[in-house]
């Protein structure tokens, strides 16, 4: 299977999880499938595979690394490394989206206020998280990460 096909499959496979978080966060299936570690662990397995391929089996670009900005930039010369990095983003963004739903439910922040935060988390990652924290501030819930 070529890397473009894997990219498409990974992107399509994550869409149902986001749809469930946005439109059916209280459904039992959402709680068992999306709010559990299932999806992030599948994505983590993909990340480990592509990271290993990139680092140990010749899939990475020569001179790449994480010791300097220029070495990190070289990482992006390898399609294998970029795909691994993309899966990394998808896994963490989904984890953050799941946290936003659970935290919002615990704090009584309604789905309509969480929805735009989830959309932005899905598309722009940290911007959606920042939006959610602004919603929390507006609702008087503060910035603490302690679970209430």
Protein backbone atom coordinates (compact mmCIF):
# COMPACT_ATOMS: atom_id res chain seq x y z
CA UNK A 1 0.00 0.00 0.00
CA UNK A 2 1.47 3.36 -0.93
CA UNK A 3 1.81 6.27 1.50
CA UNK A 4 -0.88 8.38 -0.19
CA UNK A 5 -3.39 5.56 0.31
CA UNK A 6 -2.40 5.23 3.98
CA UNK A 7 -2.81 9.01 4.39
CA UNK A 8 -6.32 8.88 2.93
CA UNK A 9 -7.31 5.86 5.03
CA UNK A 10 -6.04 7.45 8.25
CA UNK A 11 -7.84 10.73 7.51
CA UNK A 12 -11.10 9.03 6.67
CA UNK A 13 -10.91 6.67 9.64
CA UNK A 14 -10.66 9.53 12.14
CA UNK A 15 -13.74 11.36 10.83
CA UNK A 16 -16.36 9.14 12.56
CA UNK A 17 -14.67 9.65 15.92
CA UNK A 18 -14.80 13.43 15.52
CA UNK A 19 -18.40 13.30 14.29
CA UNK A 20 -19.37 11.29 17.37
CA UNK A 21 -17.60 13.74 19.69
CA UNK A 22 -19.37 16.67 18.04
CA UNK A 23 -22.85 15.28 17.48
CA UNK A 24 -23.33 12.37 19.90
CA UNK A 25 -20.97 12.89 22.85
CA UNK A 26 -23.35 11.22 25.34
CA UNK A 27 -24.10 8.14 23.25
CA UNK A 28 -22.84 4.94 24.87
CA UNK A 29 -20.95 3.94 21.72
CA UNK A 30 -19.11 7.28 21.72
CA UNK A 31 -18.07 6.76 25.32
CA UNK A 32 -16.90 3.20 24.69
CA UNK A 33 -15.26 3.75 21.32
CA UNK A 34 -14.04 7.34 21.14
CA UNK A 35 -13.66 8.36 24.77
CA UNK A 36 -11.73 5.20 25.53
CA UNK A 37 -8.14 4.70 24.47
CA UNK A 38 -9.13 2.66 21.39
CA UNK A 39 -8.66 5.27 18.64
CA UNK A 40 -5.61 7.02 20.10
CA UNK A 41 -3.92 3.62 20.57
CA UNK A 42 -4.61 2.63 16.96
CA UNK A 43 -3.15 5.95 15.84
CA UNK A 44 -0.21 5.46 18.22
CA UNK A 45 0.50 2.09 16.61
CA UNK A 46 0.57 3.76 13.20
CA UNK A 47 2.84 6.47 14.52
CA UNK A 48 5.23 3.92 16.04
CA UNK A 49 5.32 2.04 12.73
CA UNK A 50 6.16 5.11 10.63
CA UNK A 51 8.53 6.52 13.22
CA UNK A 52 10.39 3.21 13.34
CA UNK A 53 10.48 3.01 9.55
CA UNK A 54 11.78 6.56 9.39
CA UNK A 55 14.40 6.18 12.11
CA UNK A 56 15.63 2.61 11.75
CA UNK A 57 14.70 1.25 8.33
CA UNK A 58 15.77 3.94 5.87
CA UNK A 59 12.50 5.85 5.52
CA UNK A 60 13.86 9.09 6.94
CA UNK A 61 15.88 11.77 5.21
CA UNK A 62 19.65 11.87 5.79
CA UNK A 63 20.58 14.53 8.35
CA UNK A 64 17.17 14.60 9.98
CA UNK A 65 16.74 14.75 13.72
CA UNK A 66 15.39 16.81 16.56
CA UNK A 67 18.58 18.46 17.80
CA UNK A 68 18.18 21.66 15.81
CA UNK A 69 15.60 23.47 13.72
CA UNK A 70 17.49 22.64 10.52
CA UNK A 71 17.54 18.92 11.43
CA UNK A 72 13.78 19.02 12.14
CA UNK A 73 13.23 20.73 8.79
CA UNK A 74 15.04 17.85 7.09
CA UNK A 75 12.52 15.47 8.72
CA UNK A 76 9.92 16.98 6.42
CA UNK A 77 11.90 15.92 3.35
CA UNK A 78 10.76 12.34 3.95
CA UNK A 79 7.17 11.30 3.12
CA UNK A 80 7.45 8.49 5.70
CA UNK A 81 8.40 10.97 8.43
CA UNK A 82 5.70 13.44 7.42
CA UNK A 83 3.04 10.71 7.48
CA UNK A 84 4.24 9.65 10.92
CA UNK A 85 4.10 13.27 12.06
CA UNK A 86 0.60 13.68 10.64
CA UNK A 87 -0.60 10.62 12.54
CA UNK A 88 1.01 12.12 15.65
CA UNK A 89 -1.09 15.28 15.18
CA UNK A 90 -4.26 13.28 14.59
CA UNK A 91 -3.75 11.20 17.74
CA UNK A 92 -3.08 14.15 19.99
CA UNK A 93 -5.83 16.33 18.54
CA UNK A 94 -8.35 13.53 19.03
CA UNK A 95 -7.15 13.04 22.59
CA UNK A 96 -7.58 16.78 23.25
CA UNK A 97 -11.03 16.75 21.64
CA UNK A 98 -12.05 13.85 23.85
CA UNK A 99 -10.74 15.68 26.90
CA UNK A 100 -12.71 18.82 25.93
CA UNK A 101 -15.92 16.77 25.79
CA UNK A 102 -15.33 15.03 29.14
CA UNK A 103 -14.13 18.17 30.89
CA UNK A 104 -17.02 20.20 29.50
CA UNK A 105 -19.53 17.59 30.63
CA UNK A 106 -18.06 17.54 34.15
CA UNK A 107 -18.17 21.32 34.33
CA UNK A 108 -21.63 21.74 32.82
CA UNK A 109 -20.38 23.41 29.64
CA UNK A 110 -23.00 22.60 27.03
CA UNK A 111 -22.49 20.93 23.69
CA UNK A 112 -23.23 24.14 21.76
CA UNK A 113 -20.34 25.91 23.45
CA UNK A 114 -18.02 22.92 23.03
CA UNK A 115 -18.90 22.38 19.35
CA UNK A 116 -16.85 25.23 17.82
CA UNK A 117 -13.95 24.36 20.11
CA UNK A 118 -14.05 20.79 18.80
CA UNK A 119 -14.19 21.93 15.17
CA UNK A 120 -11.17 24.16 15.69
CA UNK A 121 -9.33 21.44 17.63
CA UNK A 122 -9.95 19.03 14.75
CA UNK A 123 -8.70 21.50 12.14
CA UNK A 124 -6.23 23.73 14.01
CA UNK A 125 -5.33 21.78 17.19
CA UNK A 126 -4.12 24.23 19.82
CA UNK A 127 -6.44 27.02 18.63
CA UNK A 128 -9.46 24.87 19.53
CA UNK A 129 -7.96 24.11 22.93
CA UNK A 130 -7.36 27.82 23.53
CA UNK A 131 -10.97 28.53 22.52
CA UNK A 132 -12.19 25.95 25.01
CA UNK A 133 -10.18 27.56 27.79
CA UNK A 134 -11.70 30.93 26.86
CA UNK A 135 -15.16 29.33 27.13
CA UNK A 136 -14.19 27.96 30.53
CA UNK A 137 -13.01 31.38 31.68
CA UNK A 138 -16.21 32.98 30.42
CA UNK A 139 -18.25 30.37 32.33
CA UNK A 140 -16.22 30.99 35.51
CA UNK A 141 -14.53 27.59 35.40
CA UNK A 142 -10.94 28.84 35.42
CA UNK A 143 -7.88 27.32 33.79
CA UNK A 144 -7.07 24.48 36.16
CA UNK A 145 -6.44 21.09 34.60
CA UNK A 146 -7.53 19.37 37.81
CA UNK A 147 -10.48 17.10 37.21
CA UNK A 148 -13.48 18.11 39.25
